[in-house]
Amino acid sequence: MLWPPSPSSAYIRGFANCAKRTVSSARYVSHEFTADGLRVSFAADGETLASIARVVNAERLCCRFLRFVISVEPDAGPIALELSGPAGSREFIAALLDL
């Protein structure tokens, strides 16, 4: 079953810890809730982009119900990570990240 996830799942806790570290990094700029998830913006640099990609690569396997989109704006603009999913995903993400 993809949704709802088990709140006691070690994978879910691992995602939360890894995502919290990424969101709370020095490169974090802002976040905003979307209709079905969350958009997190980061300052542009290669290390931040690589870190976000590592998080997405690992977590797409445990949070299979979530959609991850990484966008990079032109001319060294900000990097954004969007997380979205089925109904309830926004609340699930907010609870995991303590937002």
C-alpha atoms as a PDB file:
ATOM      1  CA  MET A   1       0.000   0.000   0.000  1.00  0.00           C
ATOM      2  CA  LEU A   2       1.398   3.386  -0.935  1.00  0.00           C
ATOM      3  CA  TRP A   3      -0.881   5.581   1.163  1.00  0.00           C
ATOM      4  CA  PRO A   4      -1.281   6.153   4.056  1.00  0.00           C
ATOM      5  CA  PRO A   5       2.220   5.424   5.310  1.00  0.00           C
ATOM      6  CA  SER A   6       2.808   3.839   8.675  1.00  0.00           C
ATOM      7  CA  PRO A   7       3.789   6.590  11.127  1.00  0.00           C
ATOM      8  CA  SER A   8       6.125   4.171  12.899  1.00  0.00           C
ATOM      9  CA  SER A   9       8.039   3.274   9.771  1.00  0.00           C
ATOM     10  CA  ALA A  10      11.814   3.629  10.123  1.00  0.00           C
ATOM     11  CA  TYR A  11      11.910   4.719   6.489  1.00  0.00           C
ATOM     12  CA  ILE A  12       9.520   7.581   7.170  1.00  0.00           C
ATOM     13  CA  ARG A  13      11.565   8.689  10.186  1.00  0.00           C
ATOM     14  CA  GLY A  14      14.723   8.497   8.076  1.00  0.00           C
ATOM     15  CA  PHE A  15      13.130  10.666   5.412  1.00  0.00           C
ATOM     16  CA  ALA A  16      12.075  13.202   8.010  1.00  0.00           C
ATOM     17  CA  ASN A  17      15.562  13.410   9.493  1.00  0.00           C
ATOM     18  CA  CYS A  18      17.266  13.741   6.131  1.00  0.00           C
ATOM     19  CA  ALA A  19      14.739  16.251   4.815  1.00  0.00           C
ATOM     20  CA  LYS A  20      14.944  18.316   8.005  1.00  0.00           C
ATOM     21  CA  ARG A  21      18.715  18.534   7.662  1.00  0.00           C
ATOM     22  CA  THR A  22      18.352  19.670   4.051  1.00  0.00           C
ATOM     23  CA  VAL A  23      15.599  22.195   4.811  1.00  0.00           C
ATOM     24  CA  SER A  24      17.456  23.589   7.824  1.00  0.00           C
ATOM     25  CA  SER A  25      20.758  23.901   5.973  1.00  0.00           C
ATOM     26  CA  ALA A  26      22.482  27.238   5.582  1.00  0.00           C
ATOM     27  CA  ARG A  27      21.346  27.304   1.949  1.00  0.00           C
ATOM     28  CA  TYR A  28      17.638  27.216   2.859  1.00  0.00           C
ATOM     29  CA  VAL A  29      15.796  30.358   1.690  1.00  0.00           C
ATOM     30  CA  SER A  30      12.073  29.792   2.206  1.00  0.00           C
ATOM     31  CA  HIS A  31       9.159  27.402   1.941  1.00  0.00           C
ATOM     32  CA  GLU A  32       5.541  27.670   0.899  1.00  0.00           C
ATOM     33  CA  PHE A  33       2.674  25.239   0.938  1.00  0.00           C
ATOM     34  CA  THR A  34       1.085  24.297  -2.367  1.00  0.00           C
ATOM     35  CA  ALA A  35      -2.345  22.784  -2.977  1.00  0.00           C
ATOM     36  CA  ASP A  36      -0.977  19.249  -2.578  1.00  0.00           C
ATOM     37  CA  GLY A  37       2.398  19.620  -0.901  1.00  0.00           C
ATOM     38  CA  LEU A  38       5.318  21.907  -0.223  1.00  0.00           C
ATOM     39  CA  ARG A  39       7.834  23.963  -2.213  1.00  0.00           C
ATOM     40  CA  VAL A  40      11.204  24.641  -0.562  1.00  0.00           C
ATOM     41  CA  SER A  41      13.639  27.181  -2.053  1.00  0.00           C
ATOM     42  CA  PHE A  42      17.402  27.123  -1.630  1.00  0.00           C
ATOM     43  CA  ALA A  43      20.226  29.418  -2.678  1.00  0.00           C
ATOM     44  CA  ALA A  44      21.937  28.189  -5.809  1.00  0.00           C
ATOM     45  CA  ASP A  45      25.142  26.203  -5.573  1.00  0.00           C
ATOM     46  CA  GLY A  46      26.295  22.841  -6.823  1.00  0.00           C
ATOM     47  CA  GLU A  47      26.721  21.249  -3.408  1.00  0.00           C
ATOM     48  CA  THR A  48      23.146  22.127  -2.414  1.00  0.00           C
ATOM     49  CA  LEU A  49      21.799  20.743  -5.681  1.00  0.00           C
ATOM     50  CA  ALA A  50      23.757  17.524  -5.191  1.00  0.00           C
ATOM     51  CA  SER A  51      22.484  17.218  -1.610  1.00  0.00           C
ATOM     52  CA  ILE A  52      18.873  17.685  -2.705  1.00  0.00           C
ATOM     53  CA  ALA A  53      19.326  15.108  -5.471  1.00  0.00           C
ATOM     54  CA  ARG A  54      20.728  12.585  -2.952  1.00  0.00           C
ATOM     55  CA  VAL A  55      17.749  13.116  -0.639  1.00  0.00           C
ATOM     56  CA  VAL A  56      15.275  12.669  -3.499  1.00  0.00           C
ATOM     57  CA  ASN A  57      17.058   9.590  -4.831  1.00  0.00           C
ATOM     58  CA  ALA A  58      16.952   7.857  -1.451  1.00  0.00           C
ATOM     59  CA  GLU A  59      13.521   8.976  -0.370  1.00  0.00           C
ATOM     60  CA  ARG A  60      11.623   8.256  -3.560  1.00  0.00           C
ATOM     61  CA  LEU A  61      11.981   4.612  -2.591  1.00  0.00           C
ATOM     62  CA  CYS A  62      10.527   4.948   0.901  1.00  0.00           C
ATOM     63  CA  CYS A  63       7.890   7.617   0.258  1.00  0.00           C
ATOM     64  CA  ARG A  64       6.617   6.112  -2.969  1.00  0.00           C
ATOM     65  CA  PHE A  65       3.399   8.109  -2.820  1.00  0.00           C
ATOM     66  CA  LEU A  66       5.266  11.450  -3.037  1.00  0.00           C
ATOM     67  CA  ARG A  67       6.236  13.271  -6.217  1.00  0.00           C
ATOM     68  CA  PHE A  68       9.574  15.103  -6.130  1.00  0.00           C
ATOM     69  CA  VAL A  69      10.396  17.915  -8.562  1.00  0.00           C
ATOM     70  CA  ILE A  70      13.715  19.774  -8.544  1.00  0.00           C
ATOM     71  CA  SER A  71      13.830  23.036 -10.470  1.00  0.00           C
ATOM     72  CA  VAL A  72      16.844  25.207 -11.120  1.00  0.00           C
ATOM     73  CA  GLU A  73      16.253  28.776 -12.271  1.00  0.00           C
ATOM     74  CA  PRO A  74      18.441  30.264 -15.001  1.00  0.00           C
ATOM     75  CA  ASP A  75      21.378  32.596 -14.436  1.00  0.00           C
ATOM     76  CA  ALA A  76      22.419  31.080 -11.085  1.00  0.00           C
ATOM     77  CA  GLY A  77      18.913  31.554  -9.713  1.00  0.00           C
ATOM     78  CA  PRO A  78      17.468  29.647  -6.778  1.00  0.00           C
ATOM     79  CA  ILE A  79      16.912  25.915  -6.576  1.00  0.00           C
ATOM     80  CA  ALA A  80      13.497  24.612  -5.552  1.00  0.00           C
ATOM     81  CA  LEU A  81      12.326  21.222  -4.349  1.00  0.00           C
ATOM     82  CA  GLU A  82       8.626  20.490  -4.647  1.00  0.00           C
ATOM     83  CA  LEU A  83       7.069  17.590  -2.779  1.00  0.00           C
ATOM     84  CA  SER A  84       3.498  16.649  -3.588  1.00  0.00           C
ATOM     85  CA  GLY A  85       1.176  13.701  -3.563  1.00  0.00           C
ATOM     86  CA  PRO A  86      -2.351  12.448  -3.019  1.00  0.00           C
ATOM     87  CA  ALA A  87      -4.835  14.024  -0.626  1.00  0.00           C
ATOM     88  CA  GLY A  88      -3.277  14.451   2.805  1.00  0.00           C
ATOM     89  CA  SER A  89       0.291  14.743   1.531  1.00  0.00           C
ATOM     90  CA  ARG A  90       0.635  18.409   2.437  1.00  0.00           C
ATOM     91  CA  GLU A  91      -0.315  17.699   6.049  1.00  0.00           C
ATOM     92  CA  PHE A  92       1.932  14.620   6.118  1.00  0.00           C
ATOM     93  CA  ILE A  93       4.944  16.614   4.845  1.00  0.00           C
ATOM     94  CA  ALA A  94       4.279  19.510   7.239  1.00  0.00           C
ATOM     95  CA  ALA A  95       4.114  17.130  10.205  1.00  0.00           C
ATOM     96  CA  LEU A  96       7.307  15.331   9.196  1.00  0.00           C
ATOM     97  CA  LEU A  97       9.242  18.569   8.810  1.00  0.00           C
ATOM     98  CA  ASP A  98       7.694  20.306  11.838  1.00  0.00           C
ATOM     99  CA  LEU A  99       6.383  23.156   9.679  1.00  0.00           C
END
